[in-house]
Protein backbone atom coordinates (compact mmCIF):
# COMPACT_ATOMS: atom_id res chain seq x y z
CA MET A 1 105.66 -64.10 -131.56
CA ILE A 2 105.57 -66.68 -128.80
CA GLU A 3 102.15 -66.98 -127.46
CA TYR A 4 102.00 -69.44 -124.76
CA ILE A 5 104.80 -71.66 -122.72
CA LYS A 6 103.87 -74.39 -121.42
CA GLY A 7 106.78 -76.69 -118.97
CA LYS A 8 107.80 -77.48 -115.73
CA VAL A 9 107.76 -75.22 -112.92
CA ILE A 10 111.15 -74.80 -111.69
CA GLU A 11 111.50 -72.15 -109.12
CA LEU A 12 108.92 -69.80 -108.15
CA THR A 13 108.08 -66.59 -106.53
CA PRO A 14 105.29 -63.51 -105.12
CA VAL A 15 107.13 -62.29 -108.91
CA THR A 16 109.26 -64.71 -110.43
CA ALA A 17 108.35 -68.16 -112.36
CA LEU A 18 111.22 -70.03 -113.94
CA ILE A 19 109.34 -73.16 -117.25
CA GLU A 20 111.51 -75.53 -117.97
CA ASN A 21 110.22 -76.32 -121.47
CA GLN A 22 112.65 -79.20 -124.02
CA GLY A 23 115.57 -77.95 -122.04
CA LEU A 24 115.43 -74.72 -121.82
CA GLY A 25 115.00 -72.69 -118.95
CA TYR A 26 112.18 -68.66 -118.88
CA HIS A 27 112.70 -67.00 -116.82
CA PHE A 28 109.14 -64.77 -116.17
CA TRP A 29 107.72 -61.82 -114.55
CA ILE A 30 104.88 -62.83 -112.76
CA SER A 31 101.33 -61.27 -111.79
CA GLN A 32 99.55 -61.93 -108.03
CA GLU A 33 97.14 -63.58 -109.85
CA THR A 34 99.63 -65.73 -112.19
CA TYR A 35 101.01 -66.81 -108.31
CA HIS A 36 98.34 -68.36 -106.64
CA GLN A 37 97.67 -70.09 -109.85
CA LEU A 38 101.17 -71.42 -110.41
CA LYS A 39 102.16 -71.59 -106.41
CA ASN A 40 100.90 -75.50 -106.22
CA LYS A 41 101.15 -77.21 -109.19
CA SER A 42 104.28 -78.98 -110.91
CA GLU A 43 103.68 -77.88 -114.86
CA ALA A 44 102.05 -74.71 -115.89
CA MET A 45 101.46 -73.03 -119.45
CA LEU A 46 101.66 -69.40 -119.12
CA PHE A 47 100.70 -66.98 -122.06
CA CYS A 48 103.41 -64.71 -122.76
CA TYR A 49 104.15 -61.01 -123.88
CA HIS A 50 107.69 -60.13 -124.29
CA GLN A 51 110.22 -57.33 -125.32
CA MET A 52 113.47 -56.46 -125.96
CA ILE A 53 114.38 -54.14 -122.49
CA HIS A 54 117.99 -52.63 -122.30
CA GLU A 55 119.40 -55.32 -124.89
CA GLN A 56 117.80 -58.24 -123.60
CA PHE A 57 114.78 -59.86 -124.16
CA VAL A 58 112.27 -59.55 -120.92
CA PHE A 59 109.54 -62.54 -120.45
CA PHE A 60 105.96 -61.26 -118.86
CA GLY A 61 103.80 -64.46 -118.13
CA PHE A 62 100.47 -65.03 -117.28
CA GLU A 63 97.83 -68.13 -115.94
CA SER A 64 95.30 -66.47 -117.99
CA LYS A 65 94.91 -65.17 -121.69
CA GLU A 66 92.29 -62.44 -120.37
CA GLU A 67 95.07 -61.13 -118.23
CA ARG A 68 97.69 -60.96 -120.68
CA ASP A 69 95.52 -59.14 -122.95
CA PHE A 70 94.67 -56.76 -120.10
CA PHE A 71 98.14 -56.20 -120.00
CA ARG A 72 98.72 -55.77 -123.31
CA LYS A 73 96.08 -52.13 -123.45
CA LEU A 74 97.91 -51.06 -120.00
CA ILE A 75 101.06 -51.13 -121.54
CA LEU A 76 99.67 -48.94 -124.14
CA VAL A 77 99.02 -45.84 -121.94
CA SER A 78 101.51 -43.29 -122.01
CA GLY A 79 103.95 -43.27 -118.59
CA ILE A 80 103.25 -46.94 -118.09
CA GLY A 81 105.68 -49.70 -119.36
CA PRO A 82 105.65 -53.50 -118.94
CA LYS A 83 107.73 -53.25 -115.69
CA LEU A 84 105.08 -50.82 -113.37
CA ALA A 85 101.92 -52.72 -115.61
CA ILE A 86 103.74 -55.81 -114.07
CA ARG A 87 104.28 -54.37 -110.68
CA SER A 88 101.09 -52.78 -110.36
CA LEU A 89 99.01 -56.30 -111.19
CA SER A 90 101.33 -57.57 -108.20
CA GLN A 91 99.54 -55.56 -106.32
CA VAL A 92 95.73 -55.75 -107.52
CA HIS A 93 94.05 -58.28 -108.83
CA TYR A 94 93.58 -57.76 -112.83
CA GLN A 95 89.52 -57.76 -112.84
CA ASP A 96 89.39 -55.31 -109.83
CA PHE A 97 91.90 -53.14 -112.40
CA ILE A 98 89.50 -53.39 -114.60
CA GLN A 99 86.38 -52.38 -112.57
CA TRP A 100 88.21 -49.27 -111.17
CA ILE A 101 89.25 -48.45 -114.89
CA LEU A 102 85.17 -49.11 -115.64
CA ALA A 103 84.41 -47.09 -112.58
CA GLU A 104 86.44 -44.46 -113.06
CA ASP A 105 87.70 -44.74 -110.19
CA GLU A 106 90.62 -42.83 -110.28
CA LYS A 107 91.19 -42.58 -106.34
CA SER A 108 91.53 -46.85 -106.09
CA ILE A 109 93.91 -46.57 -109.05
CA SER A 110 96.00 -43.85 -107.91
CA GLN A 111 96.49 -45.79 -104.96
CA ILE A 112 98.78 -48.56 -106.94
CA SER A 113 102.58 -47.76 -105.82
CA GLY A 114 104.32 -46.23 -108.98
CA ILE A 115 100.88 -44.74 -110.47
CA GLY A 116 99.50 -40.86 -109.39
CA LYS A 117 96.63 -39.00 -109.95
CA LYS A 118 97.57 -37.98 -113.18
CA THR A 119 98.57 -41.30 -114.51
CA ALA A 120 95.35 -42.93 -113.21
CA SER A 121 93.58 -40.36 -114.95
CA LYS A 122 95.06 -41.43 -118.58
CA THR A 123 94.66 -44.87 -117.82
CA ILE A 124 91.00 -44.16 -117.50
CA LEU A 125 90.55 -41.45 -120.71
CA GLU A 126 92.66 -44.41 -122.73
CA LEU A 127 91.14 -47.73 -121.32
CA LYS A 128 88.51 -47.01 -120.44
CA ASP A 129 86.34 -47.49 -123.89
CA ARG A 130 88.34 -50.49 -124.60
CA LEU A 131 87.53 -52.79 -121.91
CA PRO A 132 84.15 -53.96 -122.28
CA LYS A 133 85.18 -56.07 -125.19
CA MET A 134 87.48 -58.29 -123.24
CA ASN A 135 86.23 -61.40 -121.69
CA LEU A 136 85.41 -60.95 -117.88
CA GLU A 137 84.07 -64.41 -117.27
CA GLY A 138 85.85 -64.72 -114.45
CA LYS A 139 84.82 -62.51 -112.97
CA ARG A 140 85.07 -62.56 -109.16
CA ILE A 141 81.88 -63.02 -107.12
CA SER A 142 80.14 -59.26 -106.60
CA GLY A 143 76.59 -58.93 -106.31
CA ASN A 144 75.17 -61.69 -104.31
CA GLN A 145 75.04 -60.81 -100.74
CA PRO A 146 75.38 -64.31 -99.08
CA PHE A 147 78.51 -65.34 -101.31
CA GLN A 148 79.96 -61.64 -100.53
CA GLU A 149 79.39 -62.85 -96.71
CA ALA A 150 80.66 -66.53 -96.90
CA GLY A 151 83.83 -64.89 -98.71
CA LEU A 152 84.69 -62.43 -96.53
CA ALA A 153 84.20 -65.18 -93.46
CA LEU A 154 86.72 -67.44 -95.54
CA GLU A 155 88.97 -65.35 -96.09
CA SER A 156 89.01 -64.45 -92.43
CA LEU A 157 89.59 -67.89 -91.82
CA GLY A 158 93.02 -67.51 -93.36
CA PHE A 159 92.25 -69.13 -97.20
CA ASP A 160 93.98 -66.91 -99.66
CA SER A 161 91.44 -64.93 -101.49
CA GLN A 162 91.71 -65.95 -105.39
CA SER A 163 90.90 -69.73 -103.87
CA VAL A 164 87.70 -68.80 -101.75
CA GLN A 165 86.57 -66.48 -104.54
CA LYS A 166 87.21 -69.84 -107.49
CA VAL A 167 85.06 -71.71 -105.55
CA LEU A 168 82.43 -69.67 -104.54
CA LYS A 169 81.97 -68.47 -108.59
CA ASP A 170 81.84 -72.17 -108.91
CA LEU A 171 78.81 -72.72 -106.24
CA GLU A 172 77.27 -69.85 -107.49
CA ILE A 173 76.74 -71.45 -110.84
CA GLN A 174 75.76 -74.62 -109.52
CA ASN A 175 73.02 -72.87 -108.10
CA GLU A 176 72.58 -75.23 -105.07
CA VAL A 177 73.13 -73.54 -102.11
CA LYS A 178 71.88 -70.26 -101.37
CA GLU A 179 71.84 -69.76 -97.48
CA LEU A 180 75.43 -68.65 -95.94
CA GLU A 181 75.55 -71.53 -94.07
CA ASP A 182 75.03 -73.71 -96.39
CA ILE A 183 77.55 -71.68 -98.66
CA ILE A 184 79.94 -71.90 -96.10
CA LYS A 185 80.40 -75.16 -95.73
CA GLN A 186 80.40 -76.27 -98.85
CA ALA A 187 83.21 -74.26 -99.46
CA LEU A 188 85.18 -75.70 -96.73
CA ASN A 189 85.04 -78.77 -97.74
CA TYR A 190 86.19 -77.96 -101.54
CA LEU A 191 89.29 -75.96 -99.74
CA LYS A 192 89.68 -77.56 -97.34
CA LYS A 193 90.19 -81.21 -100.07
CA ASN A 194 92.17 -78.77 -102.33
CA LYS A 195 94.78 -77.45 -99.68
């Protein structure tokens, strides 16, 4: 079984990636988070899940092992196959999906295209006791009010959510700025440098 593939990004769309490794081109279906992580990179390493579908090997690629592991759990739910799972992760960040399951938020899950109320209920029932074992070190900023407000302000300026969350998480870990105005200034410096 292939654990990951590292290579040159040849082609990238919001739902697919073509990665060249040793002269071979690998076509991956990818998630929203993986697309945002790859869009400014010329090389990438994708953690893999592959399955035979209609007599063809289909590859699904993830920038983080945590997202790939969640994907593997998600496809164990009755009624959710690999294609629906990757489409779901193209609509919602996987960490938000995990939080909805843990909070038993059936309403939010059922709003994902392709997942109705019945499947949402099964997803919660079958996964809620498995997910706490997963590594959620990359959890998004959620409990610190100034950082929450800074995130909303930065996203309103046009910065993408994933970049904003990463910068704010780093600033919160450093614990050097706590006032809203200072947080926004520091975050803007980082975001403009990496734009």
